[in-house]
């Protein structure tokens, strides 16, 4: 039987025609997803290379967008372009971990250019022009502002929960320790985002939560890999499979510090660095966790 006669026979049978149509649609969807590079039902976490600063884009399986920090002010235009390249048109949640410029500097420009449902900041103020400008932008665009929520987990969408583990203590004038600590769980995979917390906040977390709560598959390494953070007790509690250091190439602080990197490799088999590798993308379908970027070894960390 020729191809034309086979197709004609299929079209004459309603059931065969529906099955044929379903096959065509399914094939198109697979082709479309492969062509566009989009992964349906996959969590994507972008550790964006913004130089000496932090910025993390979380794209949920249901295509909601969470932005944690925005780098320095001069990174605003770059960050806007990066978000647009990822198809972001709307931010469902923005988190400024703490008021330092290398974390919130670019957020004002982002809030001016993307409709935003909610912004969360820790309950601490800073007397800088950068922080005051951010508050004015929030007010000007009438964006709901909330302090850090309670640590009880809540479902952001199906199979995805958020827990704000910190700050829930008074760290006085130590702004780094006021950093918001967010735990994201998607099915079987857990991510811990830590801002710039140092030993004081790490100790508080260990005292306030069990290792079961603090443990994570992925750790955003605190404070750009500074020796003031990533203590052994904290790393032992988190026990990450993957650690990501966000720092600027040849930054004046020497981040990440050698002793911190050596500690990380004792607790984490896989380490990434944005200053050496650029933006790091991690993906999870809830069962598997992967990245298109290969990790680097301890030997790659030249000092």
Protein backbone atom coordinates (compact mmCIF):
# COMPACT_ATOMS: atom_id res chain seq x y z
CA UNK A 1 0.00 0.00 0.00
CA UNK A 2 1.37 3.43 -0.93
CA UNK A 3 1.85 6.26 1.61
CA UNK A 4 -0.98 8.29 0.05
CA UNK A 5 -3.42 5.36 0.32
CA UNK A 6 -2.36 4.73 3.95
CA UNK A 7 -2.98 8.36 4.94
CA UNK A 8 -6.34 8.31 3.12
CA UNK A 9 -7.38 5.19 5.01
CA UNK A 10 -6.39 6.80 8.32
CA UNK A 11 -8.40 9.93 7.56
CA UNK A 12 -11.52 7.89 6.78
CA UNK A 13 -11.54 6.35 10.29
CA UNK A 14 -12.46 8.81 13.11
CA UNK A 15 -10.50 6.87 15.75
CA UNK A 16 -7.48 6.45 13.50
CA UNK A 17 -7.70 10.11 12.55
CA UNK A 18 -7.68 11.21 16.24
CA UNK A 19 -4.70 8.97 16.99
CA UNK A 20 -2.92 10.30 13.93
CA UNK A 21 -3.65 13.90 15.00
CA UNK A 22 -2.42 13.21 18.54
CA UNK A 23 0.81 11.76 17.14
CA UNK A 24 1.36 14.87 15.02
CA UNK A 25 0.72 17.23 17.96
CA UNK A 26 3.00 15.25 20.30
CA UNK A 27 5.78 15.19 17.73
CA UNK A 28 5.41 18.94 17.25
CA UNK A 29 5.63 19.62 20.98
CA UNK A 30 8.78 17.54 21.34
CA UNK A 31 10.30 19.31 18.35
CA UNK A 32 9.26 22.72 19.65
CA UNK A 33 10.73 22.14 23.11
CA UNK A 34 13.96 20.85 21.62
CA UNK A 35 14.17 23.72 19.17
CA UNK A 36 13.52 26.45 21.74
CA UNK A 37 15.65 24.87 24.45
CA UNK A 38 12.74 24.98 26.90
CA UNK A 39 12.27 22.19 29.40
CA UNK A 40 8.65 21.60 30.45
CA UNK A 41 8.13 20.68 34.11
CA UNK A 42 11.78 21.38 34.96
CA UNK A 43 13.07 23.72 37.65
CA UNK A 44 15.87 26.00 36.44
CA UNK A 45 18.18 27.91 38.77
CA UNK A 46 20.52 30.46 37.18
CA UNK A 47 23.47 31.67 39.25
CA UNK A 48 24.07 34.74 37.13
CA UNK A 49 27.58 36.11 36.67
CA UNK A 50 27.19 39.74 37.80
CA UNK A 51 30.82 40.18 38.81
CA UNK A 52 31.49 40.75 42.51
CA UNK A 53 27.92 40.32 43.67
CA UNK A 54 24.95 37.99 43.73
CA UNK A 55 21.99 37.46 41.45
CA UNK A 56 19.98 34.27 41.13
CA UNK A 57 17.01 33.61 38.86
CA UNK A 58 14.70 30.74 39.77
CA UNK A 59 12.31 29.62 37.03
CA UNK A 60 9.77 27.16 38.38
CA UNK A 61 8.23 24.24 36.46
CA UNK A 62 5.04 26.30 36.07
CA UNK A 63 7.05 29.19 34.63
CA UNK A 64 6.97 31.49 37.63
CA UNK A 65 10.03 33.68 38.17
CA UNK A 66 11.80 34.41 41.46
CA UNK A 67 14.79 36.77 41.49
CA UNK A 68 17.19 36.78 44.42
CA UNK A 69 19.40 39.91 44.45
CA UNK A 70 20.54 42.00 41.50
CA UNK A 71 24.25 42.69 41.78
CA UNK A 72 25.70 46.21 41.75
CA UNK A 73 23.83 49.11 40.15
CA UNK A 74 25.96 48.96 37.02
CA UNK A 75 24.74 45.40 36.42
CA UNK A 76 21.10 46.47 35.98
CA UNK A 77 21.15 46.74 32.17
CA UNK A 78 23.01 43.44 31.77
CA UNK A 79 20.65 41.69 34.19
CA UNK A 80 17.59 43.02 32.35
CA UNK A 81 18.94 41.59 29.09
CA UNK A 82 19.67 38.26 30.71
CA UNK A 83 16.16 37.98 32.14
CA UNK A 84 14.62 38.87 28.79
CA UNK A 85 16.77 36.23 27.09
CA UNK A 86 15.28 33.66 29.48
CA UNK A 87 11.78 34.74 28.50
CA UNK A 88 11.06 36.65 31.71
CA UNK A 89 8.32 39.22 31.33
CA UNK A 90 6.99 39.20 34.87
CA UNK A 91 8.58 38.62 38.27
CA UNK A 92 6.40 36.81 40.78
CA UNK A 93 8.78 37.40 43.69
CA UNK A 94 11.94 39.45 44.22
CA UNK A 95 14.16 38.95 47.25
CA UNK A 96 16.83 41.41 48.35
CA UNK A 97 18.86 39.35 50.78
CA UNK A 98 20.37 42.37 52.60
CA UNK A 99 21.00 46.08 51.94
CA UNK A 100 24.56 45.93 50.58
CA UNK A 101 25.01 47.43 47.12
CA UNK A 102 26.46 44.28 45.51
CA UNK A 103 23.15 42.53 46.22
CA UNK A 104 20.47 45.20 45.78
CA UNK A 105 22.19 47.75 43.53
CA UNK A 106 20.68 46.44 40.28
CA UNK A 107 17.23 45.68 41.69
CA UNK A 108 15.86 49.20 41.24
CA UNK A 109 16.40 49.08 37.48
CA UNK A 110 14.85 45.61 37.33
CA UNK A 111 11.75 46.72 39.25
CA UNK A 112 11.36 49.63 36.85
CA UNK A 113 11.34 47.28 33.85
CA UNK A 114 9.46 44.17 35.01
CA UNK A 115 6.01 43.99 36.61
CA UNK A 116 6.60 42.53 40.07
CA UNK A 117 4.06 40.92 42.40
CA UNK A 118 6.04 41.07 45.64
CA UNK A 119 9.42 42.09 47.05
CA UNK A 120 10.82 40.69 50.28
CA UNK A 121 13.54 42.43 52.31
CA UNK A 122 14.96 41.63 55.74
CA UNK A 123 13.72 43.86 58.62
CA UNK A 124 16.82 46.05 58.68
CA UNK A 125 17.65 49.44 57.12
CA UNK A 126 20.82 50.95 55.72
CA UNK A 127 21.63 54.64 55.38
CA UNK A 128 22.97 54.51 51.83
CA UNK A 129 21.79 56.13 48.63
CA UNK A 130 21.47 52.69 47.01
CA UNK A 131 19.10 51.40 49.69
CA UNK A 132 17.05 54.61 49.77
CA UNK A 133 16.73 54.60 45.96
CA UNK A 134 15.44 51.03 46.07
CA UNK A 135 12.77 51.93 48.63
CA UNK A 136 11.68 54.91 46.49
CA UNK A 137 11.39 52.67 43.42
CA UNK A 138 9.29 50.17 45.35
CA UNK A 139 6.99 52.94 46.52
CA UNK A 140 6.81 54.63 43.10
CA UNK A 141 5.73 51.40 41.38
CA UNK A 142 3.41 50.42 44.23
CA UNK A 143 5.07 47.02 44.69
CA UNK A 144 3.95 45.13 47.81
CA UNK A 145 6.84 44.98 50.27
CA UNK A 146 7.05 42.40 53.05
CA UNK A 147 9.69 41.58 55.64
CA UNK A 148 11.11 38.08 55.87
CA UNK A 149 8.21 35.61 56.34
CA UNK A 150 8.09 33.07 59.15
CA UNK A 151 10.13 29.89 58.64
CA UNK A 152 7.11 27.63 58.19
CA UNK A 153 7.19 26.06 54.72
CA UNK A 154 4.55 27.10 52.25
CA UNK A 155 3.71 25.71 48.86
CA UNK A 156 4.67 28.13 46.09
CA UNK A 157 3.27 25.77 43.48
CA UNK A 158 2.73 22.04 43.14
CA UNK A 159 5.71 20.06 44.48
CA UNK A 160 7.65 23.26 45.20
CA UNK A 161 7.93 24.77 48.69
CA UNK A 162 9.76 27.78 50.11
CA UNK A 163 11.08 28.14 53.65
CA UNK A 164 12.56 31.40 54.96
CA UNK A 165 14.97 30.12 57.60
CA UNK A 166 16.52 33.48 58.40
CA UNK A 167 17.04 36.06 59.62
CA UNK A 168 14.96 35.40 62.73
CA UNK A 169 17.35 36.91 65.26
CA UNK A 170 18.64 40.40 65.98
CA UNK A 171 22.13 40.76 64.52
CA UNK A 172 22.32 44.47 65.43
CA UNK A 173 24.50 46.36 62.92
CA UNK A 174 26.00 43.27 61.26
CA UNK A 175 24.25 43.55 57.90
CA UNK A 176 25.73 40.40 56.36
CA UNK A 177 24.19 38.27 59.10
CA UNK A 178 20.80 39.87 58.39
CA UNK A 179 20.83 38.13 55.00
CA UNK A 180 17.68 36.26 54.07
CA UNK A 181 18.26 32.50 54.03
CA UNK A 182 15.86 30.72 51.71
CA UNK A 183 15.38 26.99 51.29
CA UNK A 184 13.66 25.81 48.13
CA UNK A 185 12.46 22.22 47.80
CA UNK A 186 11.31 20.75 44.51
CA UNK A 187 10.16 17.14 44.93
CA UNK A 188 13.38 15.42 46.11
CA UNK A 189 15.84 18.27 45.56
CA UNK A 190 16.69 21.04 48.02
CA UNK A 191 18.46 24.35 47.40
CA UNK A 192 19.81 26.65 50.15
CA UNK A 193 20.38 30.32 49.30
CA UNK A 194 22.37 32.16 51.96
CA UNK A 195 23.19 35.71 50.88
CA UNK A 196 26.25 36.93 52.78
CA UNK A 197 25.74 35.24 56.15
CA UNK A 198 28.85 34.85 58.26
CA UNK A 199 29.77 32.74 61.27
CA UNK A 200 27.22 34.41 63.60
CA UNK A 201 24.23 33.64 61.38
CA UNK A 202 25.57 30.20 60.49
CA UNK A 203 25.81 29.37 64.21
CA UNK A 204 22.27 30.65 64.78
CA UNK A 205 20.94 28.46 61.98
CA UNK A 206 22.65 25.39 63.43
CA UNK A 207 21.17 26.18 66.84
CA UNK A 208 17.66 26.87 65.52
CA UNK A 209 17.29 24.04 63.00
CA UNK A 210 18.18 20.38 62.71
CA UNK A 211 20.54 19.06 60.07
CA UNK A 212 17.50 17.52 58.38
CA UNK A 213 16.10 21.01 57.74
CA UNK A 214 19.43 22.62 56.82
CA UNK A 215 20.61 19.82 54.54
CA UNK A 216 20.53 20.67 50.83
CA UNK A 217 21.63 19.21 47.54
CA UNK A 218 22.73 22.67 46.35
CA UNK A 219 24.33 25.42 48.46
CA UNK A 220 24.80 28.98 47.30
CA UNK A 221 28.05 29.52 49.17
CA UNK A 222 27.73 32.39 51.68
CA UNK A 223 29.52 35.71 51.20
CA UNK A 224 31.23 34.94 47.89
CA UNK A 225 33.43 32.27 49.49
CA UNK A 226 34.87 34.51 52.19
CA UNK A 227 36.81 32.93 55.06
CA UNK A 228 34.31 34.60 57.43
CA UNK A 229 31.69 32.07 56.29
CA UNK A 230 31.25 28.41 55.34
CA UNK A 231 32.40 27.11 58.71
CA UNK A 232 32.90 23.37 59.13
CA UNK A 233 29.85 22.91 61.42
CA UNK A 234 27.65 24.72 58.89
CA UNK A 235 28.94 22.74 55.91
CA UNK A 236 28.56 19.53 57.86
CA UNK A 237 24.92 20.40 58.62
CA UNK A 238 24.13 21.35 55.01
CA UNK A 239 26.26 18.57 53.46
CA UNK A 240 25.76 19.85 49.87
CA UNK A 241 26.27 17.76 46.77
CA UNK A 242 26.86 20.94 44.75
CA UNK A 243 28.24 24.30 45.92
CA UNK A 244 28.15 27.47 43.84
CA UNK A 245 30.41 30.45 44.58
CA UNK A 246 29.33 33.80 43.15
CA UNK A 247 32.27 36.20 42.95
CA UNK A 248 33.95 38.61 40.58
CA UNK A 249 37.00 37.79 38.51
CA UNK A 250 40.17 39.11 40.19
CA UNK A 251 38.07 40.94 42.80
CA UNK A 252 39.91 43.10 45.37
CA UNK A 253 38.76 40.95 48.31
CA UNK A 254 40.47 37.79 47.10
CA UNK A 255 37.15 35.89 47.09
CA UNK A 256 36.85 33.00 47.28
CA UNK A 257 39.47 32.52 49.96
CA UNK A 258 41.73 29.48 49.71
CA UNK A 259 40.79 28.06 53.10
CA UNK A 260 37.10 28.29 52.26
CA UNK A 261 37.55 26.47 48.96
CA UNK A 262 39.51 23.71 50.67
CA UNK A 263 36.75 23.33 53.28
CA UNK A 264 34.10 23.19 50.57
CA UNK A 265 35.83 20.33 48.78
CA UNK A 266 35.88 18.34 52.02
CA UNK A 267 32.10 18.51 52.26
CA UNK A 268 30.93 19.07 48.68
CA UNK A 269 32.04 16.85 45.76
CA UNK A 270 31.07 19.43 43.13
CA UNK A 271 32.01 23.12 43.21
CA UNK A 272 31.26 25.86 40.68
CA UNK A 273 32.62 29.44 40.48
CA UNK A 274 31.05 32.23 38.46
CA UNK A 275 34.35 34.15 38.27
CA UNK A 276 35.98 31.23 36.45
CA UNK A 277 33.01 29.69 34.64
CA UNK A 278 30.49 32.49 34.16
CA UNK A 279 26.79 31.95 34.80
CA UNK A 280 25.98 28.52 36.21
CA UNK A 281 22.66 26.89 35.29
CA UNK A 282 21.29 23.99 37.32
CA UNK A 283 18.19 22.02 36.30
CA UNK A 284 16.02 19.57 38.20
CA UNK A 285 13.03 17.46 37.24
CA UNK A 286 12.63 16.51 40.89
CA UNK A 287 14.50 13.23 40.43
CA UNK A 288 17.63 14.14 38.46
CA UNK A 289 19.80 17.23 38.99
CA UNK A 290 22.16 18.37 36.25
CA UNK A 291 24.02 21.27 34.64
CA UNK A 292 25.29 21.87 31.10
CA UNK A 293 28.50 23.22 32.70
CA UNK A 294 31.06 20.66 33.92
CA UNK A 295 32.36 21.27 37.47
CA UNK A 296 35.97 22.13 38.20
CA UNK A 297 38.46 20.40 40.44
CA UNK A 298 40.39 21.74 43.39
CA UNK A 299 43.49 21.82 41.17
CA UNK A 300 41.74 24.43 39.00
CA UNK A 301 41.69 26.91 41.89
CA UNK A 302 44.93 28.81 41.44
CA UNK A 303 46.08 31.16 44.24
